[in-house]
């Protein structure tokens, strides 16, 4: 589905059961002047098309049954059962 999983630290990316990842999602676990940090996607989460998941200095967690909108820039945690959209994300509702 043309997703990019960070090849320098793929072991820092955890995707639990029943997660739906749409077309072209980008997962990055490192950046300039930043260590390798974790990305955790909890069970039942949905990641919309062409979303960008950037772990930042402390890592990022997308909570259980959370929804990330298409084209969103995830640069902080997304709480369980919530909907996050925008660049950068903002939480707009609880599922």
PDB file of N, CA and C in Angstrom:
ATOM      1  N   UNK A   1       0.824  -1.209   0.000  1.00  0.00           N
ATOM      2  CA  UNK A   1       0.000   0.000   0.000  1.00  0.00           C
ATOM      3  C   UNK A   1       0.859   1.260   0.000  1.00  0.00           C
ATOM      4  N   UNK A   2       2.130   1.116  -0.362  1.00  0.00           N
ATOM      5  CA  UNK A   2       3.058   2.240  -0.464  1.00  0.00           C
ATOM      6  C   UNK A   2       3.190   3.043   0.829  1.00  0.00           C
ATOM      7  N   UNK A   3       3.236   2.334   1.950  1.00  0.00           N
ATOM      8  CA  UNK A   3       3.514   2.973   3.229  1.00  0.00           C
ATOM      9  C   UNK A   3       5.017   2.963   3.448  1.00  0.00           C
ATOM     10  N   UNK A   4       5.522   3.914   4.234  1.00  0.00           N
ATOM     11  CA  UNK A   4       6.942   3.973   4.552  1.00  0.00           C
ATOM     12  C   UNK A   4       7.111   3.699   6.036  1.00  0.00           C
ATOM     13  N   UNK A   5       7.805   2.622   6.366  1.00  0.00           N
ATOM     14  CA  UNK A   5       8.163   2.308   7.743  1.00  0.00           C
ATOM     15  C   UNK A   5       9.652   2.600   7.900  1.00  0.00           C
ATOM     16  N   UNK A   6       9.988   3.452   8.825  1.00  0.00           N
ATOM     17  CA  UNK A   6      11.368   3.890   9.039  1.00  0.00           C
ATOM     18  C   UNK A   6      12.326   2.705   9.034  1.00  0.00           C
ATOM     19  N   UNK A   7      13.194   2.641   8.028  1.00  0.00           N
ATOM     20  CA  UNK A   7      14.098   1.498   7.886  1.00  0.00           C
ATOM     21  C   UNK A   7      15.324   1.572   8.780  1.00  0.00           C
ATOM     22  N   UNK A   8      15.574   2.708   9.415  1.00  0.00           N
ATOM     23  CA  UNK A   8      16.723   2.814  10.314  1.00  0.00           C
ATOM     24  C   UNK A   8      16.416   2.264  11.703  1.00  0.00           C
ATOM     25  N   UNK A   9      15.152   2.256  12.058  1.00  0.00           N
ATOM     26  CA  UNK A   9      14.797   1.749  13.392  1.00  0.00           C
ATOM     27  C   UNK A   9      13.393   1.150  13.373  1.00  0.00           C
ATOM     28  N   UNK A  10      13.187   0.232  12.461  1.00  0.00           N
ATOM     29  CA  UNK A  10      11.900  -0.448  12.339  1.00  0.00           C
ATOM     30  C   UNK A  10      11.506  -1.179  13.616  1.00  0.00           C
ATOM     31  N   UNK A  11      12.494  -1.543  14.428  1.00  0.00           N
ATOM     32  CA  UNK A  11      12.210  -2.240  15.679  1.00  0.00           C
ATOM     33  C   UNK A  11      11.568  -1.336  16.722  1.00  0.00           C
ATOM     34  N   UNK A  12      11.506  -0.046  16.475  1.00  0.00           N
ATOM     35  CA  UNK A  12      10.875   0.913  17.387  1.00  0.00           C
ATOM     36  C   UNK A  12       9.395   1.122  17.061  1.00  0.00           C
ATOM     37  N   UNK A  13       8.894   0.471  16.010  1.00  0.00           N
ATOM     38  CA  UNK A  13       7.507   0.636  15.590  1.00  0.00           C
ATOM     39  C   UNK A  13       6.718  -0.602  16.010  1.00  0.00           C
ATOM     40  N   UNK A  14       5.658  -0.378  16.808  1.00  0.00           N
ATOM     41  CA  UNK A  14       4.798  -1.461  17.272  1.00  0.00           C
ATOM     42  C   UNK A  14       3.388  -1.231  16.750  1.00  0.00           C
ATOM     43  N   UNK A  15       2.857  -2.223  16.053  1.00  0.00           N
ATOM     44  CA  UNK A  15       1.490  -2.153  15.537  1.00  0.00           C
ATOM     45  C   UNK A  15       0.745  -3.354  16.104  1.00  0.00           C
ATOM     46  N   UNK A  16      -0.268  -3.082  16.935  1.00  0.00           N
ATOM     47  CA  UNK A  16      -1.021  -4.156  17.575  1.00  0.00           C
ATOM     48  C   UNK A  16      -2.082  -4.733  16.630  1.00  0.00           C
ATOM     49  N   UNK A  17      -2.882  -5.648  17.128  1.00  0.00           N
ATOM     50  CA  UNK A  17      -3.898  -6.339  16.332  1.00  0.00           C
ATOM     51  C   UNK A  17      -5.029  -5.418  15.878  1.00  0.00           C
ATOM     52  N   UNK A  18      -5.628  -5.784  14.756  1.00  0.00           N
ATOM     53  CA  UNK A  18      -6.822  -5.137  14.203  1.00  0.00           C
ATOM     54  C   UNK A  18      -6.647  -3.653  13.908  1.00  0.00           C
ATOM     55  N   UNK A  19      -5.445  -3.239  13.586  1.00  0.00           N
ATOM     56  CA  UNK A  19      -5.174  -1.859  13.172  1.00  0.00           C
ATOM     57  C   UNK A  19      -5.381  -1.763  11.666  1.00  0.00           C
ATOM     58  N   UNK A  20      -6.012  -0.682  11.224  1.00  0.00           N
ATOM     59  CA  UNK A  20      -6.185  -0.442   9.790  1.00  0.00           C
ATOM     60  C   UNK A  20      -5.288   0.727   9.409  1.00  0.00           C
ATOM     61  N   UNK A  21      -4.408   0.483   8.445  1.00  0.00           N
ATOM     62  CA  UNK A  21      -3.503   1.516   7.950  1.00  0.00           C
ATOM     63  C   UNK A  21      -3.814   1.717   6.480  1.00  0.00           C
ATOM     64  N   UNK A  22      -4.220   2.918   6.140  1.00  0.00           N
ATOM     65  CA  UNK A  22      -4.611   3.216   4.772  1.00  0.00           C
ATOM     66  C   UNK A  22      -3.389   3.479   3.891  1.00  0.00           C
ATOM     67  N   UNK A  23      -3.633   3.814   2.657  1.00  0.00           N
ATOM     68  CA  UNK A  23      -2.637   4.015   1.613  1.00  0.00           C
ATOM     69  C   UNK A  23      -1.671   5.161   1.935  1.00  0.00           C
ATOM     70  N   UNK A  24      -0.371   4.932   1.735  1.00  0.00           N
ATOM     71  CA  UNK A  24       0.639   5.981   1.761  1.00  0.00           C
ATOM     72  C   UNK A  24       0.980   6.583   3.108  1.00  0.00           C
ATOM     73  N   UNK A  25       0.760   5.870   4.192  1.00  0.00           N
ATOM     74  CA  UNK A  25       1.079   6.398   5.526  1.00  0.00           C
ATOM     75  C   UNK A  25       2.586   6.337   5.752  1.00  0.00           C
ATOM     76  N   UNK A  26       3.132   7.364   6.401  1.00  0.00           N
ATOM     77  CA  UNK A  26       4.569   7.527   6.623  1.00  0.00           C
ATOM     78  C   UNK A  26       4.847   7.432   8.122  1.00  0.00           C
ATOM     79  N   UNK A  27       5.725   6.521   8.528  1.00  0.00           N
ATOM     80  CA  UNK A  27       6.108   6.345   9.928  1.00  0.00           C
ATOM     81  C   UNK A  27       7.591   6.689  10.080  1.00  0.00           C
ATOM     82  N   UNK A  28       7.911   7.694  10.882  1.00  0.00           N
ATOM     83  CA  UNK A  28       9.300   8.081  11.085  1.00  0.00           C
ATOM     84  C   UNK A  28       9.650   8.052  12.575  1.00  0.00           C
ATOM     85  N   UNK A  29      10.682   7.283  12.913  1.00  0.00           N
ATOM     86  CA  UNK A  29      11.102   7.122  14.310  1.00  0.00           C
ATOM     87  C   UNK A  29      12.371   7.882  14.651  1.00  0.00           C
ATOM     88  N   UNK A  30      12.842   8.728  13.770  1.00  0.00           N
ATOM     89  CA  UNK A  30      14.039   9.512  14.057  1.00  0.00           C
ATOM     90  C   UNK A  30      14.050  10.766  13.180  1.00  0.00           C
ATOM     91  N   UNK A  31      14.923  11.675  13.529  1.00  0.00           N
ATOM     92  CA  UNK A  31      15.086  12.897  12.754  1.00  0.00           C
ATOM     93  C   UNK A  31      16.401  13.557  13.101  1.00  0.00           C
ATOM     94  N   UNK A  32      16.673  14.692  12.489  1.00  0.00           N
ATOM     95  CA  UNK A  32      17.912  15.416  12.729  1.00  0.00           C
ATOM     96  C   UNK A  32      18.025  15.805  14.206  1.00  0.00           C
ATOM     97  N   UNK A  33      19.196  15.535  14.797  1.00  0.00           N
ATOM     98  CA  UNK A  33      19.471  15.837  16.208  1.00  0.00           C
ATOM     99  C   UNK A  33      18.473  15.189  17.162  1.00  0.00           C
ATOM    100  N   UNK A  34      17.983  14.025  16.804  1.00  0.00           N
ATOM    101  CA  UNK A  34      16.992  13.322  17.612  1.00  0.00           C
ATOM    102  C   UNK A  34      17.379  11.857  17.679  1.00  0.00           C
ATOM    103  N   UNK A  35      17.233  11.269  18.833  1.00  0.00           N
ATOM    104  CA  UNK A  35      17.491   9.835  18.958  1.00  0.00           C
ATOM    105  C   UNK A  35      16.398   9.025  18.284  1.00  0.00           C
ATOM    106  N   UNK A  36      16.550   7.742  18.326  1.00  0.00           N
ATOM    107  CA  UNK A  36      15.545   6.841  17.765  1.00  0.00           C
ATOM    108  C   UNK A  36      14.485   6.605  18.830  1.00  0.00           C
ATOM    109  N   UNK A  37      13.257   7.034  18.570  1.00  0.00           N
ATOM    110  CA  UNK A  37      12.182   6.912  19.541  1.00  0.00           C
ATOM    111  C   UNK A  37      11.067   6.025  18.984  1.00  0.00           C
ATOM    112  N   UNK A  38      10.137   5.670  19.843  1.00  0.00           N
ATOM    113  CA  UNK A  38       9.148   4.657  19.480  1.00  0.00           C
ATOM    114  C   UNK A  38       7.850   5.233  18.924  1.00  0.00           C
ATOM    115  N   UNK A  39       7.198   4.420  18.098  1.00  0.00           N
ATOM    116  CA  UNK A  39       5.838   4.659  17.632  1.00  0.00           C
ATOM    117  C   UNK A  39       5.042   3.431  18.033  1.00  0.00           C
ATOM    118  N   UNK A  40       3.946   3.647  18.768  1.00  0.00           N
ATOM    119  CA  UNK A  40       3.101   2.541  19.206  1.00  0.00           C
ATOM    120  C   UNK A  40       1.680   2.792  18.730  1.00  0.00           C
ATOM    121  N   UNK A  41       1.131   1.821  18.006  1.00  0.00           N
ATOM    122  CA  UNK A  41      -0.244   1.939  17.539  1.00  0.00           C
ATOM    123  C   UNK A  41      -1.027   0.822  18.208  1.00  0.00           C
ATOM    124  N   UNK A  42      -1.957   1.204  19.059  1.00  0.00           N
ATOM    125  CA  UNK A  42      -2.716   0.250  19.858  1.00  0.00           C
ATOM    126  C   UNK A  42      -3.828  -0.409  19.049  1.00  0.00           C
ATOM    127  N   UNK A  43      -4.345  -1.510  19.572  1.00  0.00           N
ATOM    128  CA  UNK A  43      -5.313  -2.327  18.833  1.00  0.00           C
ATOM    129  C   UNK A  43      -6.564  -1.541  18.430  1.00  0.00           C
ATOM    130  N   UNK A  44      -7.036  -1.847  17.235  1.00  0.00           N
ATOM    131  CA  UNK A  44      -8.271  -1.268  16.730  1.00  0.00           C
ATOM    132  C   UNK A  44      -8.158   0.147  16.197  1.00  0.00           C
ATOM    133  N   UNK A  45      -6.966   0.710  16.154  1.00  0.00           N
ATOM    134  CA  UNK A  45      -6.801   2.080  15.649  1.00  0.00           C
ATOM    135  C   UNK A  45      -6.961   2.110  14.130  1.00  0.00           C
ATOM    136  N   UNK A  46      -7.293   3.280  13.609  1.00  0.00           N
ATOM    137  CA  UNK A  46      -7.426   3.491  12.163  1.00  0.00           C
ATOM    138  C   UNK A  46      -6.556   4.687  11.780  1.00  0.00           C
ATOM    139  N   UNK A  47      -5.693   4.515  10.786  1.00  0.00           N
ATOM    140  CA  UNK A  47      -4.824   5.586  10.303  1.00  0.00           C
ATOM    141  C   UNK A  47      -5.246   5.907   8.868  1.00  0.00           C
ATOM    142  N   UNK A  48      -5.691   7.134   8.637  1.00  0.00           N
ATOM    143  CA  UNK A  48      -6.181   7.539   7.322  1.00  0.00           C
ATOM    144  C   UNK A  48      -5.069   7.723   6.298  1.00  0.00           C
ATOM    145  N   UNK A  49      -5.479   7.796   5.049  1.00  0.00           N
ATOM    146  CA  UNK A  49      -4.576   7.883   3.905  1.00  0.00           C
ATOM    147  C   UNK A  49      -3.592   9.051   4.024  1.00  0.00           C
ATOM    148  N   UNK A  50      -2.327   8.758   3.719  1.00  0.00           N
ATOM    149  CA  UNK A  50      -1.228   9.726   3.679  1.00  0.00           C
ATOM    150  C   UNK A  50      -0.997  10.493   4.983  1.00  0.00           C
ATOM    151  N   UNK A  51      -1.369   9.903   6.099  1.00  0.00           N
ATOM    152  CA  UNK A  51      -1.037  10.500   7.393  1.00  0.00           C
ATOM    153  C   UNK A  51       0.467  10.362   7.623  1.00  0.00           C
ATOM    154  N   UNK A  52       1.020  11.275   8.400  1.00  0.00           N
ATOM    155  CA  UNK A  52       2.441  11.242   8.761  1.00  0.00           C
ATOM    156  C   UNK A  52       2.546  11.066  10.268  1.00  0.00           C
ATOM    157  N   UNK A  53       3.207   9.994  10.684  1.00  0.00           N
ATOM    158  CA  UNK A  53       3.391   9.703  12.103  1.00  0.00           C
ATOM    159  C   UNK A  53       4.856   9.975  12.432  1.00  0.00           C
ATOM    160  N   UNK A  54       5.117  11.045  13.178  1.00  0.00           N
ATOM    161  CA  UNK A  54       6.482  11.450  13.522  1.00  0.00           C
ATOM    162  C   UNK A  54       6.655  11.313  15.030  1.00  0.00           C
ATOM    163  N   UNK A  55       7.612  10.516  15.450  1.00  0.00           N
ATOM    164  CA  UNK A  55       7.702  10.158  16.864  1.00  0.00           C
ATOM    165  C   UNK A  55       8.233  11.255  17.777  1.00  0.00           C
ATOM    166  N   UNK A  56       8.943  12.237  17.279  1.00  0.00           N
ATOM    167  CA  UNK A  56       9.453  13.306  18.128  1.00  0.00           C
ATOM    168  C   UNK A  56      10.469  12.816  19.143  1.00  0.00           C
ATOM    169  N   UNK A  57      10.783  13.635  20.130  1.00  0.00           N
ATOM    170  CA  UNK A  57      11.820  13.292  21.108  1.00  0.00           C
ATOM    171  C   UNK A  57      11.363  12.265  22.134  1.00  0.00           C
ATOM    172  N   UNK A  58      10.050  12.165  22.377  1.00  0.00           N
ATOM    173  CA  UNK A  58       9.547  11.264  23.414  1.00  0.00           C
ATOM    174  C   UNK A  58       8.768  10.082  22.874  1.00  0.00           C
ATOM    175  N   UNK A  59       8.710   9.923  21.586  1.00  0.00           N
ATOM    176  CA  UNK A  59       7.909   8.865  21.001  1.00  0.00           C
ATOM    177  C   UNK A  59       6.457   9.289  20.899  1.00  0.00           C
ATOM    178  N   UNK A  60       5.641   8.448  20.284  1.00  0.00           N
ATOM    179  CA  UNK A  60       4.226   8.759  20.121  1.00  0.00           C
ATOM    180  C   UNK A  60       3.411   7.482  20.248  1.00  0.00           C
ATOM    181  N   UNK A  61       2.213   7.627  20.858  1.00  0.00           N
ATOM    182  CA  UNK A  61       1.286   6.506  21.020  1.00  0.00           C
ATOM    183  C   UNK A  61      -0.052   6.903  20.410  1.00  0.00           C
ATOM    184  N   UNK A  62      -0.555   6.049  19.527  1.00  0.00           N
ATOM    185  CA  UNK A  62      -1.908   6.212  19.006  1.00  0.00           C
ATOM    186  C   UNK A  62      -2.746   5.200  19.762  1.00  0.00           C
ATOM    187  N   UNK A  63      -3.670   5.712  20.572  1.00  0.00           N
ATOM    188  CA  UNK A  63      -4.411   4.879  21.516  1.00  0.00           C
ATOM    189  C   UNK A  63      -5.366   3.887  20.879  1.00  0.00           C
ATOM    190  N   UNK A  64      -5.853   2.991  21.712  1.00  0.00           N
ATOM    191  CA  UNK A  64      -6.774   1.937  21.293  1.00  0.00           C
ATOM    192  C   UNK A  64      -8.042   2.538  20.682  1.00  0.00           C
ATOM    193  N   UNK A  65      -8.421   2.049  19.517  1.00  0.00           N
ATOM    194  CA  UNK A  65      -9.615   2.471  18.772  1.00  0.00           C
ATOM    195  C   UNK A  65      -9.621   3.950  18.398  1.00  0.00           C
ATOM    196  N   UNK A  66      -8.459   4.583  18.363  1.00  0.00           N
ATOM    197  CA  UNK A  66      -8.363   5.976  17.930  1.00  0.00           C
ATOM    198  C   UNK A  66      -8.440   6.053  16.405  1.00  0.00           C
ATOM    199  N   UNK A  67      -8.846   7.215  15.903  1.00  0.00           N
ATOM    200  CA  UNK A  67      -8.931   7.459  14.462  1.00  0.00           C
ATOM    201  C   UNK A  67      -8.043   8.655  14.136  1.00  0.00           C
ATOM    202  N   UNK A  68      -7.144   8.465  13.156  1.00  0.00           N
ATOM    203  CA  UNK A  68      -6.293   9.554  12.662  1.00  0.00           C
ATOM    204  C   UNK A  68      -6.769   9.861  11.248  1.00  0.00           C
ATOM    205  N   UNK A  69      -7.153  11.115  11.009  1.00  0.00           N
ATOM    206  CA  UNK A  69      -7.696  11.506   9.716  1.00  0.00           C
ATOM    207  C   UNK A  69      -6.665  11.485   8.603  1.00  0.00           C
ATOM    208  N   UNK A  70      -7.164  11.434   7.370  1.00  0.00           N
ATOM    209  CA  UNK A  70      -6.306  11.449   6.182  1.00  0.00           C
ATOM    210  C   UNK A  70      -5.466  12.721   6.152  1.00  0.00           C
ATOM    211  N   UNK A  71      -4.194  12.583   5.818  1.00  0.00           N
ATOM    212  CA  UNK A  71      -3.286  13.714   5.685  1.00  0.00           C
ATOM    213  C   UNK A  71      -2.858  14.355   6.990  1.00  0.00           C
ATOM    214  N   UNK A  72      -3.220  13.771   8.122  1.00  0.00           N
ATOM    215  CA  UNK A  72      -2.882  14.349   9.430  1.00  0.00           C
ATOM    216  C   UNK A  72      -1.391  14.220   9.717  1.00  0.00           C
ATOM    217  N   UNK A  73      -0.878  15.154  10.515  1.00  0.00           N
ATOM    218  CA  UNK A  73       0.508  15.115  10.991  1.00  0.00           C
ATOM    219  C   UNK A  73       0.475  14.802  12.480  1.00  0.00           C
ATOM    220  N   UNK A  74       0.777  13.556  12.823  1.00  0.00           N
ATOM    221  CA  UNK A  74       0.744  13.107  14.215  1.00  0.00           C
ATOM    222  C   UNK A  74       2.116  13.353  14.816  1.00  0.00           C
ATOM    223  N   UNK A  75       2.194  14.343  15.715  1.00  0.00           N
ATOM    224  CA  UNK A  75       3.458  14.675  16.370  1.00  0.00           C
ATOM    225  C   UNK A  75       3.348  14.616  17.888  1.00  0.00           C
ATOM    226  N   UNK A  76       2.221  14.092  18.363  1.00  0.00           N
ATOM    227  CA  UNK A  76       2.000  13.890  19.799  1.00  0.00           C
ATOM    228  C   UNK A  76       1.027  12.732  19.963  1.00  0.00           C
ATOM    229  N   UNK A  77       0.846  12.277  21.190  1.00  0.00           N
ATOM    230  CA  UNK A  77      -0.030  11.141  21.460  1.00  0.00           C
ATOM    231  C   UNK A  77      -1.478  11.434  21.067  1.00  0.00           C
ATOM    232  N   UNK A  78      -2.156  10.377  20.625  1.00  0.00           N
ATOM    233  CA  UNK A  78      -3.592  10.435  20.333  1.00  0.00           C
ATOM    234  C   UNK A  78      -4.267   9.543  21.372  1.00  0.00           C
ATOM    235  N   UNK A  79      -5.139  10.114  22.226  1.00  0.00           N
ATOM    236  CA  UNK A  79      -5.784   9.302  23.266  1.00  0.00           C
ATOM    237  C   UNK A  79      -6.671   8.203  22.683  1.00  0.00           C
ATOM    238  N   UNK A  80      -6.887   7.169  23.459  1.00  0.00           N
ATOM    239  CA  UNK A  80      -7.778   6.081  23.050  1.00  0.00           C
ATOM    240  C   UNK A  80      -9.170   6.630  22.757  1.00  0.00           C
ATOM    241  N   UNK A  81      -9.842   6.021  21.798  1.00  0.00           N
ATOM    242  CA  UNK A  81     -11.227   6.349  21.446  1.00  0.00           C
ATOM    243  C   UNK A  81     -11.442   7.808  21.052  1.00  0.00           C
ATOM    244  N   UNK A  82     -10.452   8.419  20.426  1.00  0.00           N
ATOM    245  CA  UNK A  82     -10.599   9.807  19.997  1.00  0.00           C
ATOM    246  C   UNK A  82     -10.329   9.938  18.501  1.00  0.00           C
ATOM    247  N   UNK A  83     -10.720  11.088  17.953  1.00  0.00           N
ATOM    248  CA  UNK A  83     -10.502  11.385  16.540  1.00  0.00           C
ATOM    249  C   UNK A  83      -9.534  12.559  16.457  1.00  0.00           C
ATOM    250  N   UNK A  84      -8.442  12.388  15.697  1.00  0.00           N
ATOM    251  CA  UNK A  84      -7.417  13.425  15.544  1.00  0.00           C
ATOM    252  C   UNK A  84      -7.286  13.775  14.066  1.00  0.00           C
ATOM    253  N   UNK A  85      -7.297  15.081  13.758  1.00  0.00           N
ATOM    254  CA  UNK A  85      -7.171  15.545  12.381  1.00  0.00           C
ATOM    255  C   UNK A  85      -6.289  16.780  12.333  1.00  0.00           C
ATOM    256  N   UNK A  86      -5.816  17.127  11.138  1.00  0.00           N
ATOM    257  CA  UNK A  86      -5.107  18.383  10.929  1.00  0.00           C
ATOM    258  C   UNK A  86      -3.605  18.271  10.900  1.00  0.00           C
ATOM    259  N   UNK A  87      -2.989  19.433  10.621  1.00  0.00           N
ATOM    260  CA  UNK A  87      -1.535  19.550  10.528  1.00  0.00           C
ATOM    261  C   UNK A  87      -1.108  20.745  11.377  1.00  0.00           C
ATOM    262  N   UNK A  88      -0.541  20.509  12.553  1.00  0.00           N
ATOM    263  CA  UNK A  88      -0.430  19.253  13.286  1.00  0.00           C
ATOM    264  C   UNK A  88      -1.804  18.848  13.838  1.00  0.00           C
ATOM    265  N   UNK A  89      -1.879  17.636  14.375  1.00  0.00           N
ATOM    266  CA  UNK A  89      -3.181  17.127  14.808  1.00  0.00           C
ATOM    267  C   UNK A  89      -3.771  17.929  15.946  1.00  0.00           C
ATOM    268  N   UNK A  90      -5.091  17.886  15.980  1.00  0.00           N
ATOM    269  CA  UNK A  90      -5.849  18.354  17.132  1.00  0.00           C
ATOM    270  C   UNK A  90      -6.945  17.305  17.348  1.00  0.00           C
ATOM    271  N   UNK A  91      -7.309  17.109  18.585  1.00  0.00           N
ATOM    272  CA  UNK A  91      -8.341  16.130  18.928  1.00  0.00           C
ATOM    273  C   UNK A  91      -9.687  16.828  18.750  1.00  0.00           C
ATOM    274  N   UNK A  92     -10.552  16.259  17.904  1.00  0.00           N
ATOM    275  CA  UNK A  92     -11.837  16.914  17.644  1.00  0.00           C
ATOM    276  C   UNK A  92     -13.018  16.243  18.316  1.00  0.00           C
ATOM    277  N   UNK A  93     -12.870  14.975  18.703  1.00  0.00           N
ATOM    278  CA  UNK A  93     -13.972  14.301  19.397  1.00  0.00           C
ATOM    279  C   UNK A  93     -13.517  12.980  19.982  1.00  0.00           C
ATOM    280  N   UNK A  94     -14.394  12.409  20.762  1.00  0.00           N
ATOM    281  CA  UNK A  94     -14.200  11.060  21.290  1.00  0.00           C
ATOM    282  C   UNK A  94     -15.116  10.128  20.518  1.00  0.00           C
ATOM    283  N   UNK A  95     -14.621   8.931  20.204  1.00  0.00           N
ATOM    284  CA  UNK A  95     -15.412   7.965  19.439  1.00  0.00           C
ATOM    285  C   UNK A  95     -16.404   7.289  20.356  1.00  0.00           C
TER     286      UNK A  95
END
